[in-house]
Every structure is written in structure tokens, then in C-alpha cells.
């Protein structure tokens, strides 16, 4: 799987509409695309999408069929990425440790010696 980031510019008069469309994307819009997040960004761009794709052709088809048809997206810039180091990790599930069945405590005998 290859990771991609797509930067998008949004018409400032229609930011809410464009963001609503991005929010409605399914996690898996096509067979070979897995969306990982949509974010606001600062600077020359307004938002970005992170996704995984099986191949570069799948990434380009996703852009052509899903991102560029949004009428208020005025420009997009896609780039494949390569991991240097990941700082986030999947949370490890909390598993309760297995406990052994407790035996009843032994009673002290009250016999006199």
C-alpha cells in the first residue's frame, strides 16, 4: 500500500459546503482506496486528505472521481509519501489479565494443643 497526501484549495465563499462534502466521504470510497483522515491546514492550502492506495493509478482515479468533482475545490496537489518514521501507533487493546480460580483460604484450626 502506498500513502498519499492531497492538498486542496477551497473557494472561500463555499468553505462549509466543500468541507461537508469531504466529511461525507466513506472510509473506503473505492475498492483500492482507504481514507485515513481529512484535515484543515494553514498557509497556501485549505485542507488535506491522507489516504492509502494499492497503486498510483488508483490514487489518480480517486482524485478524478471524488475530489476534483467537488465544485468549490479550486485546486488540488497530490503527492505520494514515504514513511520516515511513524509517531502514532494503534492503541493496544486493554486486555484483562487472566486470573486463576481462587481456592478458598484455609481455616486455622481452633484446636488446643
N, C-alpha and C. Protein backbone atom coordinates (compact mmCIF):
# COMPACT_ATOMS: atom_id res chain seq x y z
N UNK A 1 0.84 -1.19 0.00
CA UNK A 1 0.00 0.00 0.00
C UNK A 1 0.88 1.25 0.00
N UNK A 2 0.49 2.21 -0.78
CA UNK A 2 1.19 3.50 -0.84
C UNK A 2 0.35 4.55 -0.14
N UNK A 3 1.02 5.44 0.58
CA UNK A 3 0.35 6.55 1.26
C UNK A 3 0.43 7.80 0.36
N UNK A 4 -0.65 8.58 0.39
CA UNK A 4 -0.72 9.81 -0.38
C UNK A 4 -1.28 10.94 0.47
N UNK A 5 -0.87 12.15 0.14
CA UNK A 5 -1.46 13.33 0.73
C UNK A 5 -1.93 14.21 -0.43
N UNK A 6 -3.14 14.72 -0.31
CA UNK A 6 -3.69 15.63 -1.31
C UNK A 6 -4.01 16.95 -0.61
N UNK A 7 -3.38 18.01 -1.08
CA UNK A 7 -3.69 19.35 -0.59
C UNK A 7 -4.76 19.94 -1.50
N UNK A 8 -5.73 20.65 -0.90
CA UNK A 8 -6.78 21.27 -1.71
C UNK A 8 -6.97 22.73 -1.32
N UNK A 9 -7.30 23.52 -2.32
CA UNK A 9 -7.71 24.91 -2.11
C UNK A 9 -9.21 24.97 -2.30
N UNK A 10 -9.86 25.71 -1.43
CA UNK A 10 -11.32 25.79 -1.44
C UNK A 10 -11.74 27.23 -1.67
N UNK A 11 -12.74 27.42 -2.50
CA UNK A 11 -13.32 28.76 -2.70
C UNK A 11 -13.75 29.29 -1.33
N UNK A 12 -13.21 30.43 -0.90
CA UNK A 12 -13.52 30.94 0.44
C UNK A 12 -15.00 31.25 0.66
N UNK A 13 -15.76 31.43 -0.40
CA UNK A 13 -17.19 31.68 -0.26
C UNK A 13 -17.99 30.39 -0.03
N UNK A 14 -17.34 29.24 -0.18
CA UNK A 14 -18.04 27.96 -0.07
C UNK A 14 -17.27 26.94 0.77
N UNK A 15 -16.53 27.43 1.76
CA UNK A 15 -15.73 26.54 2.59
C UNK A 15 -16.59 25.50 3.29
N UNK A 16 -17.70 25.93 3.90
CA UNK A 16 -18.54 24.99 4.64
C UNK A 16 -19.09 23.88 3.74
N UNK A 17 -19.52 24.25 2.54
CA UNK A 17 -20.07 23.25 1.62
C UNK A 17 -19.00 22.24 1.19
N UNK A 18 -17.81 22.73 0.89
CA UNK A 18 -16.73 21.84 0.46
C UNK A 18 -16.31 20.91 1.59
N UNK A 19 -16.18 21.45 2.79
CA UNK A 19 -15.79 20.64 3.94
C UNK A 19 -16.86 19.60 4.25
N UNK A 20 -18.13 19.98 4.13
CA UNK A 20 -19.21 19.00 4.33
C UNK A 20 -19.08 17.84 3.35
N UNK A 21 -18.74 18.13 2.12
CA UNK A 21 -18.57 17.06 1.12
C UNK A 21 -17.39 16.16 1.49
N UNK A 22 -16.30 16.77 1.94
CA UNK A 22 -15.14 15.97 2.34
C UNK A 22 -15.48 15.08 3.54
N UNK A 23 -16.23 15.63 4.48
CA UNK A 23 -16.63 14.86 5.67
C UNK A 23 -17.50 13.66 5.32
N UNK A 24 -18.23 13.74 4.24
CA UNK A 24 -19.16 12.68 3.86
C UNK A 24 -18.50 11.56 3.05
N UNK A 25 -17.22 11.72 2.74
CA UNK A 25 -16.53 10.64 2.03
C UNK A 25 -16.57 9.39 2.89
N UNK A 26 -16.85 8.23 2.30
CA UNK A 26 -16.77 6.99 3.07
C UNK A 26 -15.31 6.63 3.34
N UNK A 27 -15.09 5.82 4.33
CA UNK A 27 -13.73 5.40 4.67
C UNK A 27 -13.06 4.67 3.52
N UNK A 28 -13.86 3.95 2.74
CA UNK A 28 -13.34 3.21 1.59
C UNK A 28 -14.17 3.59 0.36
N UNK A 29 -13.85 4.72 -0.27
CA UNK A 29 -14.67 5.19 -1.40
C UNK A 29 -14.58 4.31 -2.65
N UNK A 30 -13.46 3.64 -2.84
CA UNK A 30 -13.33 2.70 -3.94
C UNK A 30 -12.64 1.44 -3.40
N UNK A 31 -12.60 0.44 -4.24
CA UNK A 31 -12.08 -0.86 -3.81
C UNK A 31 -10.64 -0.79 -3.30
N UNK A 32 -9.82 0.07 -3.89
CA UNK A 32 -8.40 0.11 -3.55
C UNK A 32 -7.95 1.38 -2.84
N UNK A 33 -8.91 2.13 -2.29
CA UNK A 33 -8.59 3.38 -1.58
C UNK A 33 -9.08 3.26 -0.15
N UNK A 34 -8.22 3.66 0.81
CA UNK A 34 -8.57 3.67 2.22
C UNK A 34 -8.26 5.05 2.77
N UNK A 35 -9.28 5.84 3.05
CA UNK A 35 -9.07 7.18 3.60
C UNK A 35 -8.62 7.06 5.05
N UNK A 36 -7.64 7.88 5.42
CA UNK A 36 -7.12 7.86 6.78
C UNK A 36 -7.42 9.15 7.54
N UNK A 37 -7.74 10.23 6.83
CA UNK A 37 -8.09 11.46 7.53
C UNK A 37 -8.25 12.63 6.59
N UNK A 38 -9.02 13.60 7.04
CA UNK A 38 -9.18 14.88 6.34
C UNK A 38 -8.90 15.96 7.37
N UNK A 39 -8.07 16.93 7.00
CA UNK A 39 -7.62 17.93 7.96
C UNK A 39 -7.66 19.33 7.37
N UNK A 40 -7.89 20.32 8.22
CA UNK A 40 -7.66 21.70 7.84
C UNK A 40 -6.15 21.92 7.92
N UNK A 41 -5.62 22.76 7.04
CA UNK A 41 -4.20 23.11 7.09
C UNK A 41 -4.06 24.63 6.98
N UNK A 42 -2.93 25.13 7.41
CA UNK A 42 -2.64 26.57 7.34
C UNK A 42 -1.76 26.86 6.14
N UNK A 43 -1.72 28.10 5.74
CA UNK A 43 -0.83 28.50 4.66
C UNK A 43 -1.56 28.65 3.34
N UNK A 44 -0.91 28.25 2.27
CA UNK A 44 -1.45 28.42 0.93
C UNK A 44 -2.59 27.46 0.59
N UNK A 45 -2.74 26.41 1.38
CA UNK A 45 -3.76 25.40 1.13
C UNK A 45 -4.78 25.43 2.26
N UNK A 46 -5.96 24.88 2.01
CA UNK A 46 -7.04 24.94 3.00
C UNK A 46 -7.28 23.63 3.73
N UNK A 47 -7.07 22.52 3.04
CA UNK A 47 -7.33 21.22 3.66
C UNK A 47 -6.43 20.18 3.00
N UNK A 48 -6.37 19.01 3.65
CA UNK A 48 -5.64 17.90 3.04
C UNK A 48 -6.34 16.59 3.37
N UNK A 49 -6.12 15.63 2.53
CA UNK A 49 -6.61 14.27 2.72
C UNK A 49 -5.41 13.34 2.76
N UNK A 50 -5.43 12.41 3.70
CA UNK A 50 -4.44 11.34 3.75
C UNK A 50 -5.15 10.06 3.37
N UNK A 51 -4.55 9.29 2.47
CA UNK A 51 -5.17 8.03 2.10
C UNK A 51 -4.12 7.03 1.65
N UNK A 52 -4.53 5.78 1.63
CA UNK A 52 -3.70 4.70 1.11
C UNK A 52 -4.32 4.21 -0.18
N UNK A 53 -3.48 3.82 -1.11
CA UNK A 53 -3.95 3.27 -2.38
C UNK A 53 -3.07 2.10 -2.77
N UNK A 54 -3.69 1.16 -3.46
CA UNK A 54 -2.95 -0.01 -3.93
C UNK A 54 -1.89 0.40 -4.96
N UNK A 55 -2.22 1.35 -5.83
CA UNK A 55 -1.30 1.75 -6.90
C UNK A 55 -1.53 3.23 -7.24
N UNK A 56 -0.57 3.81 -7.95
CA UNK A 56 -0.69 5.22 -8.34
C UNK A 56 -1.94 5.46 -9.19
N UNK A 57 -2.27 4.52 -10.06
CA UNK A 57 -3.48 4.68 -10.88
C UNK A 57 -4.73 4.76 -10.02
N UNK A 58 -4.77 3.98 -8.95
CA UNK A 58 -5.92 4.03 -8.04
C UNK A 58 -6.01 5.41 -7.38
N UNK A 59 -4.87 5.95 -7.00
CA UNK A 59 -4.85 7.28 -6.37
C UNK A 59 -5.36 8.34 -7.35
N UNK A 60 -4.90 8.30 -8.57
CA UNK A 60 -5.34 9.29 -9.56
C UNK A 60 -6.82 9.14 -9.88
N UNK A 61 -7.30 7.91 -9.96
CA UNK A 61 -8.73 7.70 -10.21
C UNK A 61 -9.57 8.24 -9.06
N UNK A 62 -9.10 8.04 -7.83
CA UNK A 62 -9.80 8.59 -6.67
C UNK A 62 -9.90 10.12 -6.76
N UNK A 63 -8.81 10.75 -7.11
CA UNK A 63 -8.82 12.21 -7.25
C UNK A 63 -9.80 12.65 -8.34
N UNK A 64 -9.75 11.98 -9.48
CA UNK A 64 -10.62 12.35 -10.60
C UNK A 64 -12.10 12.12 -10.30
N UNK A 65 -12.41 11.05 -9.58
CA UNK A 65 -13.81 10.68 -9.35
C UNK A 65 -14.41 11.26 -8.08
N UNK A 66 -13.58 11.59 -7.09
CA UNK A 66 -14.12 12.01 -5.80
C UNK A 66 -13.75 13.44 -5.39
N UNK A 67 -12.49 13.81 -5.56
CA UNK A 67 -12.03 15.11 -5.04
C UNK A 67 -12.30 16.23 -6.04
N UNK A 68 -11.83 16.08 -7.24
CA UNK A 68 -11.94 17.18 -8.22
C UNK A 68 -13.38 17.51 -8.63
N UNK A 69 -14.33 16.58 -8.56
CA UNK A 69 -15.71 16.96 -8.89
C UNK A 69 -16.40 17.89 -7.88
N UNK A 70 -15.81 18.06 -6.69
CA UNK A 70 -16.41 18.99 -5.73
C UNK A 70 -16.27 20.39 -6.32
N UNK A 71 -17.38 21.07 -6.59
CA UNK A 71 -17.30 22.32 -7.34
C UNK A 71 -16.51 23.44 -6.66
N UNK A 72 -16.39 23.43 -5.36
CA UNK A 72 -15.73 24.52 -4.65
C UNK A 72 -14.26 24.27 -4.41
N UNK A 73 -13.76 23.12 -4.84
CA UNK A 73 -12.33 22.88 -4.77
C UNK A 73 -11.72 23.47 -6.03
N UNK A 74 -10.91 24.50 -5.83
CA UNK A 74 -10.37 25.23 -6.97
C UNK A 74 -9.03 24.69 -7.46
N UNK A 75 -8.34 23.96 -6.58
CA UNK A 75 -7.05 23.41 -6.96
C UNK A 75 -6.72 22.24 -6.04
N UNK A 76 -5.98 21.27 -6.56
CA UNK A 76 -5.53 20.17 -5.71
C UNK A 76 -4.10 19.81 -6.10
N UNK A 77 -3.38 19.29 -5.14
CA UNK A 77 -1.99 18.89 -5.36
C UNK A 77 -1.77 17.57 -4.64
N UNK A 78 -1.58 16.51 -5.40
CA UNK A 78 -1.42 15.17 -4.83
C UNK A 78 0.04 14.76 -4.84
N UNK A 79 0.43 14.08 -3.78
CA UNK A 79 1.80 13.58 -3.74
C UNK A 79 1.88 12.26 -3.01
N UNK A 80 2.61 11.32 -3.56
CA UNK A 80 2.85 10.07 -2.83
C UNK A 80 3.83 10.37 -1.69
N UNK A 81 3.71 9.64 -0.63
CA UNK A 81 4.60 9.86 0.51
C UNK A 81 5.30 8.55 0.88
N UNK A 82 6.42 8.69 1.53
CA UNK A 82 7.17 7.55 2.03
C UNK A 82 7.46 7.79 3.50
N UNK A 83 7.23 6.80 4.30
CA UNK A 83 7.40 6.94 5.74
C UNK A 83 8.87 7.06 6.11
N UNK A 84 9.15 8.06 6.93
CA UNK A 84 10.46 8.16 7.57
C UNK A 84 10.35 7.49 8.93
N UNK A 85 9.35 7.92 9.70
CA UNK A 85 9.05 7.32 11.00
C UNK A 85 7.62 7.68 11.36
N UNK A 86 6.90 6.72 11.89
CA UNK A 86 5.54 7.00 12.36
C UNK A 86 5.58 7.22 13.87
N UNK A 87 4.96 8.29 14.28
CA UNK A 87 4.95 8.63 15.70
C UNK A 87 3.65 8.24 16.38
N UNK A 88 2.65 7.89 15.59
CA UNK A 88 1.42 7.43 16.20
C UNK A 88 1.37 5.92 16.07
N UNK A 89 0.68 5.33 16.96
CA UNK A 89 0.55 3.87 16.91
C UNK A 89 -0.89 3.52 17.20
N UNK A 90 -1.27 2.38 16.73
CA UNK A 90 -2.61 1.91 17.04
C UNK A 90 -2.67 1.65 18.53
N UNK A 91 -3.74 2.09 19.18
CA UNK A 91 -3.82 1.84 20.61
C UNK A 91 -3.89 0.33 20.87
N UNK A 92 -3.14 -0.08 21.84
CA UNK A 92 -3.17 -1.50 22.16
C UNK A 92 -4.42 -1.78 22.97
N UNK A 93 -5.12 -2.83 22.62
CA UNK A 93 -6.35 -3.12 23.35
C UNK A 93 -6.03 -3.50 24.78
N UNK A 94 -6.86 -3.01 25.67
CA UNK A 94 -6.67 -3.34 27.07
C UNK A 94 -7.28 -4.71 27.32
N UNK A 95 -6.44 -5.62 27.71
CA UNK A 95 -6.88 -6.98 27.96
C UNK A 95 -6.74 -7.25 29.44
N UNK A 96 -7.81 -7.74 30.02
CA UNK A 96 -7.74 -8.07 31.44
C UNK A 96 -6.88 -9.31 31.59
N UNK A 97 -5.97 -9.28 32.56
CA UNK A 97 -5.14 -10.47 32.74
C UNK A 97 -6.00 -11.63 33.23
N UNK A 98 -5.66 -12.79 32.76
CA UNK A 98 -6.40 -13.97 33.19
C UNK A 98 -6.04 -14.25 34.64
N UNK A 99 -7.04 -14.48 35.44
CA UNK A 99 -6.79 -14.79 36.85
C UNK A 99 -7.09 -16.25 37.09
N UNK A 100 -6.31 -16.81 37.95
CA UNK A 100 -6.53 -18.20 38.30
C UNK A 100 -7.70 -18.27 39.26
N UNK A 101 -8.41 -19.37 39.19
CA UNK A 101 -9.52 -19.56 40.12
C UNK A 101 -8.95 -19.62 41.52
N UNK A 102 -9.51 -18.83 42.38
CA UNK A 102 -9.02 -18.79 43.75
C UNK A 102 -9.57 -19.97 44.54
N UNK A 103 -8.70 -20.53 45.28
CA UNK A 103 -9.18 -21.58 46.17
C UNK A 103 -9.58 -20.91 47.49
N UNK A 104 -10.46 -21.56 48.20
CA UNK A 104 -10.90 -20.99 49.46
C UNK A 104 -9.73 -20.98 50.43
N UNK A 105 -9.61 -19.90 51.19
CA UNK A 105 -8.50 -19.85 52.15
C UNK A 105 -8.68 -20.93 53.22
N UNK A 106 -7.56 -21.47 53.64
CA UNK A 106 -7.61 -22.50 54.67
C UNK A 106 -7.94 -21.84 56.00
N UNK A 107 -8.81 -22.51 56.75
CA UNK A 107 -9.15 -22.01 58.07
C UNK A 107 -8.15 -22.53 59.10
N UNK A 108 -7.85 -21.67 59.98
CA UNK A 108 -6.96 -22.10 61.05
C UNK A 108 -7.78 -22.96 62.01
N UNK A 109 -7.14 -23.99 62.41
CA UNK A 109 -7.87 -24.88 63.33
C UNK A 109 -7.84 -24.26 64.71
N UNK A 110 -8.92 -24.40 65.43
CA UNK A 110 -9.02 -23.81 66.76
C UNK A 110 -8.75 -24.86 67.84
N UNK A 111 -8.06 -25.89 67.49
CA UNK A 111 -7.73 -26.93 68.47
C UNK A 111 -6.69 -26.44 69.44
N UNK A 112 -6.84 -26.87 70.64
CA UNK A 112 -5.84 -26.51 71.64
C UNK A 112 -4.80 -27.61 71.66
N UNK A 113 -3.61 -27.23 71.82
CA UNK A 113 -2.52 -28.19 71.87
C UNK A 113 -2.15 -28.51 73.27
